[in-house]
Amino acid sequence: MTIQKEVFLVFILMFLIIVSVFFLVFLSSRRSGALQNVNSKRAIFFFIAFGTVSLVLGISLPKSPYFLYAKEAPAQRIFVVARQFSFTLSKSPINSADDLGKSAGSEFKLPKDEIIEFNVSSLDVNHGFSLYKDGVLLAQVQAMPGYVNRLRWKFSESGNYDILCLEYCGIAHGGMSAKITVE
């Protein structure tokens, strides 16, 4: 189980605990008279709100890019290291400044309709790694120092894709970009 799934499960558990506490407080506060009418209206509102949130999460979470290709093996792994103010992409792990220097400035061509796993990290501060096609954000993940985030994506269209930083990282943040060509 990945750390992202563990965090998600902890979030769901905490959400259920909070909902249970609110429900127990509601049940313990039931009294006869004028308050009973207010409590029944609160109960109706609470259950409608809970049902709406559950419905939205149930529909949207399975369509998240993080679950789309989770069970499929990637055809390639691309190692991405962000640093102020550039991205370095490589087909082999980047473990040192020498590895970084060898990979800097290389053009990337990726196959169409294959799952690509991006292993994204940072050397200095938090950055954002985001994939864009024609100005439309397709997927994104954080690039953090000392941690590798994985993002799997299947490019369904040929063409040029932009990689932009979505986390303000300093004065030249706006110019922090890279390109990928999909054939």
C-alpha atoms as a PDB file:
ATOM      1  CA  MET A   1       0.000   0.000   0.000  1.00  0.00           C
ATOM      2  CA  THR A   2       1.400   3.398  -0.958  1.00  0.00           C
ATOM      3  CA  ILE A   3       1.671   6.289   1.464  1.00  0.00           C
ATOM      4  CA  GLN A   4      -1.000   8.173  -0.521  1.00  0.00           C
ATOM      5  CA  LYS A   5      -3.489   5.339   0.023  1.00  0.00           C
ATOM      6  CA  GLU A   6      -2.619   5.196   3.713  1.00  0.00           C
ATOM      7  CA  VAL A   7      -3.190   8.941   4.085  1.00  0.00           C
ATOM      8  CA  PHE A   8      -6.474   8.641   2.216  1.00  0.00           C
ATOM      9  CA  LEU A   9      -7.654   5.824   4.493  1.00  0.00           C
ATOM     10  CA  VAL A  10      -6.688   7.829   7.590  1.00  0.00           C
ATOM     11  CA  PHE A  11      -8.644  10.789   6.198  1.00  0.00           C
ATOM     12  CA  ILE A  12     -11.721   8.621   5.613  1.00  0.00           C
ATOM     13  CA  LEU A  13     -11.434   7.156   9.122  1.00  0.00           C
ATOM     14  CA  MET A  14     -11.179  10.615  10.697  1.00  0.00           C
ATOM     15  CA  PHE A  15     -14.102  11.813   8.585  1.00  0.00           C
ATOM     16  CA  LEU A  16     -16.246   8.926   9.830  1.00  0.00           C
ATOM     17  CA  ILE A  17     -15.240   9.637  13.445  1.00  0.00           C
ATOM     18  CA  ILE A  18     -16.223  13.306  13.085  1.00  0.00           C
ATOM     19  CA  VAL A  19     -19.548  12.367  11.478  1.00  0.00           C
ATOM     20  CA  SER A  20     -20.199   9.883  14.296  1.00  0.00           C
ATOM     21  CA  VAL A  21     -19.472  12.493  16.971  1.00  0.00           C
ATOM     22  CA  PHE A  22     -21.863  14.963  15.355  1.00  0.00           C
ATOM     23  CA  PHE A  23     -24.501  12.263  15.081  1.00  0.00           C
ATOM     24  CA  LEU A  24     -24.095  11.270  18.748  1.00  0.00           C
ATOM     25  CA  VAL A  25     -24.304  14.907  19.875  1.00  0.00           C
ATOM     26  CA  PHE A  26     -27.437  15.296  17.805  1.00  0.00           C
ATOM     27  CA  LEU A  27     -29.028  12.191  19.342  1.00  0.00           C
ATOM     28  CA  SER A  28     -28.112  13.234  22.885  1.00  0.00           C
ATOM     29  CA  SER A  29     -29.592  16.701  22.437  1.00  0.00           C
ATOM     30  CA  ARG A  30     -33.076  15.542  21.464  1.00  0.00           C
ATOM     31  CA  ARG A  31     -35.667  17.099  23.722  1.00  0.00           C
ATOM     32  CA  SER A  32     -39.401  17.510  23.535  1.00  0.00           C
ATOM     33  CA  GLY A  33     -41.075  20.765  22.670  1.00  0.00           C
ATOM     34  CA  ALA A  34     -39.735  23.537  20.449  1.00  0.00           C
ATOM     35  CA  LEU A  35     -36.217  22.117  20.278  1.00  0.00           C
ATOM     36  CA  GLN A  36     -37.454  18.846  18.809  1.00  0.00           C
ATOM     37  CA  ASN A  37     -38.701  20.656  15.683  1.00  0.00           C
ATOM     38  CA  VAL A  38     -35.320  22.429  15.280  1.00  0.00           C
ATOM     39  CA  ASN A  39     -33.463  19.146  15.788  1.00  0.00           C
ATOM     40  CA  SER A  40     -35.529  17.359  13.154  1.00  0.00           C
ATOM     41  CA  LYS A  41     -34.745  20.132  10.657  1.00  0.00           C
ATOM     42  CA  ARG A  42     -31.051  19.846  11.547  1.00  0.00           C
ATOM     43  CA  ALA A  43     -31.217  16.097  11.083  1.00  0.00           C
ATOM     44  CA  ILE A  44     -32.768  16.445   7.643  1.00  0.00           C
ATOM     45  CA  PHE A  45     -30.135  19.021   6.645  1.00  0.00           C
ATOM     46  CA  PHE A  46     -27.316  16.880   8.075  1.00  0.00           C
ATOM     47  CA  PHE A  47     -28.380  13.725   6.232  1.00  0.00           C
ATOM     48  CA  ILE A  48     -28.902  15.603   2.945  1.00  0.00           C
ATOM     49  CA  ALA A  49     -25.456  17.213   3.296  1.00  0.00           C
ATOM     50  CA  PHE A  50     -23.829  13.880   4.174  1.00  0.00           C
ATOM     51  CA  GLY A  51     -25.547  12.157   1.258  1.00  0.00           C
ATOM     52  CA  THR A  52     -24.500  14.905  -1.166  1.00  0.00           C
ATOM     53  CA  VAL A  53     -20.849  14.789  -0.052  1.00  0.00           C
ATOM     54  CA  SER A  54     -20.838  10.992  -0.255  1.00  0.00           C
ATOM     55  CA  LEU A  55     -22.362  11.066  -3.740  1.00  0.00           C
ATOM     56  CA  VAL A  56     -19.880  13.672  -5.031  1.00  0.00           C
ATOM     57  CA  LEU A  57     -16.902  11.777  -3.590  1.00  0.00           C
ATOM     58  CA  GLY A  58     -18.210   8.460  -4.881  1.00  0.00           C
ATOM     59  CA  ILE A  59     -18.529   9.829  -8.402  1.00  0.00           C
ATOM     60  CA  SER A  60     -15.379  11.970  -8.560  1.00  0.00           C
ATOM     61  CA  LEU A  61     -12.719   9.962  -6.695  1.00  0.00           C
ATOM     62  CA  PRO A  62     -12.639   6.959  -9.061  1.00  0.00           C
ATOM     63  CA  LYS A  63     -12.073   9.388 -11.955  1.00  0.00           C
ATOM     64  CA  SER A  64      -9.084  10.994 -10.255  1.00  0.00           C
ATOM     65  CA  PRO A  65      -5.861  10.633 -12.269  1.00  0.00           C
ATOM     66  CA  TYR A  66      -4.276   9.002  -9.245  1.00  0.00           C
ATOM     67  CA  PHE A  67      -6.600   5.990  -9.501  1.00  0.00           C
ATOM     68  CA  LEU A  68      -6.920   5.776 -13.292  1.00  0.00           C
ATOM     69  CA  TYR A  69      -3.845   3.618 -13.918  1.00  0.00           C
ATOM     70  CA  ALA A  70      -3.002   2.410 -10.417  1.00  0.00           C
ATOM     71  CA  LYS A  71      -3.455  -1.293 -11.176  1.00  0.00           C
ATOM     72  CA  GLU A  72      -1.654  -1.261 -14.516  1.00  0.00           C
ATOM     73  CA  ALA A  73       2.117  -1.583 -14.837  1.00  0.00           C
ATOM     74  CA  PRO A  74       3.805   1.434 -16.414  1.00  0.00           C
ATOM     75  CA  ALA A  75       5.582   0.984 -19.755  1.00  0.00           C
ATOM     76  CA  GLN A  76       8.256   3.500 -18.690  1.00  0.00           C
ATOM     77  CA  ARG A  77       9.428   5.352 -15.627  1.00  0.00           C
ATOM     78  CA  ILE A  78      10.590   8.920 -16.019  1.00  0.00           C
ATOM     79  CA  PHE A  79      12.579  10.417 -13.154  1.00  0.00           C
ATOM     80  CA  VAL A  80      11.912  14.107 -12.619  1.00  0.00           C
ATOM     81  CA  VAL A  81      13.927  16.382 -10.361  1.00  0.00           C
ATOM     82  CA  ALA A  82      12.794  19.953  -9.817  1.00  0.00           C
ATOM     83  CA  ARG A  83      15.038  22.729  -8.595  1.00  0.00           C
ATOM     84  CA  GLN A  84      14.876  26.460  -8.766  1.00  0.00           C
ATOM     85  CA  PHE A  85      14.038  27.162 -11.636  1.00  0.00           C
ATOM     86  CA  SER A  86      14.073  24.098 -13.884  1.00  0.00           C
ATOM     87  CA  PHE A  87      12.955  20.512 -14.322  1.00  0.00           C
ATOM     88  CA  THR A  88      15.352  17.707 -15.200  1.00  0.00           C
ATOM     89  CA  LEU A  89      13.879  14.543 -16.729  1.00  0.00           C
ATOM     90  CA  SER A  90      15.760  11.277 -17.110  1.00  0.00           C
ATOM     91  CA  LYS A  91      15.066   7.632 -17.922  1.00  0.00           C
ATOM     92  CA  SER A  92      17.403   6.598 -15.100  1.00  0.00           C
ATOM     93  CA  PRO A  93      17.353   7.692 -11.438  1.00  0.00           C
ATOM     94  CA  ILE A  94      18.950  11.019 -10.631  1.00  0.00           C
ATOM     95  CA  ASN A  95      20.968  10.466  -7.446  1.00  0.00           C
ATOM     96  CA  SER A  96      23.735  13.044  -7.670  1.00  0.00           C
ATOM     97  CA  ALA A  97      24.718  16.379  -9.154  1.00  0.00           C
ATOM     98  CA  ASP A  98      26.581  14.464 -11.892  1.00  0.00           C
ATOM     99  CA  ASP A  99      23.390  12.597 -12.851  1.00  0.00           C
ATOM    100  CA  LEU A 100      21.563  15.909 -12.876  1.00  0.00           C
ATOM    101  CA  GLY A 101      24.163  17.496 -15.151  1.00  0.00           C
ATOM    102  CA  LYS A 102      24.069  14.569 -17.609  1.00  0.00           C
ATOM    103  CA  SER A 103      20.290  14.759 -17.951  1.00  0.00           C
ATOM    104  CA  ALA A 104      19.827  18.537 -18.024  1.00  0.00           C
ATOM    105  CA  GLY A 105      18.415  19.917 -21.250  1.00  0.00           C
ATOM    106  CA  SER A 106      17.600  16.568 -22.829  1.00  0.00           C
ATOM    107  CA  GLU A 107      14.493  16.391 -24.992  1.00  0.00           C
ATOM    108  CA  PHE A 108      11.878  13.842 -24.118  1.00  0.00           C
ATOM    109  CA  LYS A 109       9.851  11.844 -26.579  1.00  0.00           C
ATOM    110  CA  LEU A 110       7.280   9.470 -25.165  1.00  0.00           C
ATOM    111  CA  PRO A 111       4.992   6.918 -26.815  1.00  0.00           C
ATOM    112  CA  LYS A 112       1.286   7.487 -27.247  1.00  0.00           C
ATOM    113  CA  ASP A 113      -1.225   5.206 -25.452  1.00  0.00           C
ATOM    114  CA  GLU A 114       1.257   3.771 -22.949  1.00  0.00           C
ATOM    115  CA  ILE A 115       1.254   4.347 -19.216  1.00  0.00           C
ATOM    116  CA  ILE A 116       4.158   6.501 -18.083  1.00  0.00           C
ATOM    117  CA  GLU A 117       5.069   6.783 -14.409  1.00  0.00           C
ATOM    118  CA  PHE A 118       6.705  10.050 -13.397  1.00  0.00           C
ATOM    119  CA  ASN A 119       8.799   9.772 -10.207  1.00  0.00           C
ATOM    120  CA  VAL A 120       8.940  13.379  -9.058  1.00  0.00           C
ATOM    121  CA  SER A 121      11.203  14.915  -6.414  1.00  0.00           C
ATOM    122  CA  SER A 122      12.915  18.221  -5.637  1.00  0.00           C
ATOM    123  CA  LEU A 123      16.419  19.250  -4.679  1.00  0.00           C
ATOM    124  CA  ASP A 124      15.619  22.477  -2.872  1.00  0.00           C
ATOM    125  CA  VAL A 125      12.061  23.663  -2.109  1.00  0.00           C
ATOM    126  CA  ASN A 126       8.509  22.502  -2.891  1.00  0.00           C
ATOM    127  CA  HIS A 127       7.543  22.721  -6.541  1.00  0.00           C
ATOM    128  CA  GLY A 128       4.543  21.637  -8.546  1.00  0.00           C
ATOM    129  CA  PHE A 129       4.813  19.191 -11.446  1.00  0.00           C
ATOM    130  CA  SER A 130       1.882  19.698 -13.780  1.00  0.00           C
ATOM    131  CA  LEU A 131       1.150  18.306 -17.246  1.00  0.00           C
ATOM    132  CA  TYR A 132      -0.595  20.613 -19.707  1.00  0.00           C
ATOM    133  CA  LYS A 133      -1.862  20.049 -23.242  1.00  0.00           C
ATOM    134  CA  ASP A 134      -2.926  23.166 -25.162  1.00  0.00           C
ATOM    135  CA  GLY A 135      -3.257  25.154 -21.933  1.00  0.00           C
ATOM    136  CA  VAL A 136      -5.460  22.547 -20.208  1.00  0.00           C
ATOM    137  CA  LEU A 137      -4.234  21.026 -16.951  1.00  0.00           C
ATOM    138  CA  LEU A 138      -4.284  17.219 -17.223  1.00  0.00           C
ATOM    139  CA  ALA A 139      -2.636  16.080 -13.983  1.00  0.00           C
ATOM    140  CA  GLN A 140      -0.330  17.381 -11.281  1.00  0.00           C
ATOM    141  CA  VAL A 141       1.672  16.279  -8.271  1.00  0.00           C
ATOM    142  CA  GLN A 142       3.922  17.991  -5.728  1.00  0.00           C
ATOM    143  CA  ALA A 143       7.704  17.861  -6.062  1.00  0.00           C
ATOM    144  CA  MET A 144       9.096  17.825  -2.525  1.00  0.00           C
ATOM    145  CA  PRO A 145      12.661  17.584  -1.230  1.00  0.00           C
ATOM    146  CA  GLY A 146      13.524  14.159   0.171  1.00  0.00           C
ATOM    147  CA  TYR A 147      10.352  12.501  -1.091  1.00  0.00           C
ATOM    148  CA  VAL A 148       9.300  10.864  -4.369  1.00  0.00           C
ATOM    149  CA  ASN A 149       5.734  11.333  -5.563  1.00  0.00           C
ATOM    150  CA  ARG A 150       4.532   9.084  -8.362  1.00  0.00           C
ATOM    151  CA  LEU A 151       2.153  10.161 -11.081  1.00  0.00           C
ATOM    152  CA  ARG A 152       0.962   7.739 -13.765  1.00  0.00           C
ATOM    153  CA  TRP A 153      -0.437   9.099 -16.985  1.00  0.00           C
ATOM    154  CA  LYS A 154      -1.428   7.722 -20.393  1.00  0.00           C
ATOM    155  CA  PHE A 155      -0.994  10.238 -23.194  1.00  0.00           C
ATOM    156  CA  SER A 156      -3.893   9.631 -25.584  1.00  0.00           C
ATOM    157  CA  GLU A 157      -2.957  12.340 -28.100  1.00  0.00           C
ATOM    158  CA  SER A 158       0.231  13.022 -29.994  1.00  0.00           C
ATOM    159  CA  GLY A 159       1.779  16.447 -29.731  1.00  0.00           C
ATOM    160  CA  ASN A 160       3.659  18.713 -27.387  1.00  0.00           C
ATOM    161  CA  TYR A 161       2.929  18.750 -23.665  1.00  0.00           C
ATOM    162  CA  ASP A 162       4.104  21.392 -21.235  1.00  0.00           C
ATOM    163  CA  ILE A 163       5.366  20.786 -17.729  1.00  0.00           C
ATOM    164  CA  LEU A 164       4.886  23.800 -15.481  1.00  0.00           C
ATOM    165  CA  CYS A 165       5.518  24.503 -11.814  1.00  0.00           C
ATOM    166  CA  LEU A 166       2.297  25.111  -9.858  1.00  0.00           C
ATOM    167  CA  GLU A 167       3.932  25.961  -6.521  1.00  0.00           C
ATOM    168  CA  TYR A 168       5.417  29.435  -6.143  1.00  0.00           C
ATOM    169  CA  CYS A 169       9.112  28.748  -5.635  1.00  0.00           C
ATOM    170  CA  GLY A 170      10.794  32.113  -6.089  1.00  0.00           C
ATOM    171  CA  ILE A 171      11.275  35.081  -8.378  1.00  0.00           C
ATOM    172  CA  ALA A 172      11.715  33.064 -11.617  1.00  0.00           C
ATOM    173  CA  HIS A 173       8.818  30.678 -10.885  1.00  0.00           C
ATOM    174  CA  GLY A 174       6.895  31.825 -13.982  1.00  0.00           C
ATOM    175  CA  GLY A 175       9.655  30.582 -16.288  1.00  0.00           C
ATOM    176  CA  MET A 176      10.003  27.142 -14.722  1.00  0.00           C
ATOM    177  CA  SER A 177       8.915  24.760 -17.473  1.00  0.00           C
ATOM    178  CA  ALA A 178       9.857  21.781 -19.608  1.00  0.00           C
ATOM    179  CA  LYS A 179       8.417  20.095 -22.691  1.00  0.00           C
ATOM    180  CA  ILE A 180       7.537  16.535 -23.631  1.00  0.00           C
ATOM    181  CA  THR A 181       6.767  15.342 -27.151  1.00  0.00           C
ATOM    182  CA  VAL A 182       4.360  12.432 -27.546  1.00  0.00           C
ATOM    183  CA  GLU A 183       4.517  10.465 -30.798  1.00  0.00           C
END
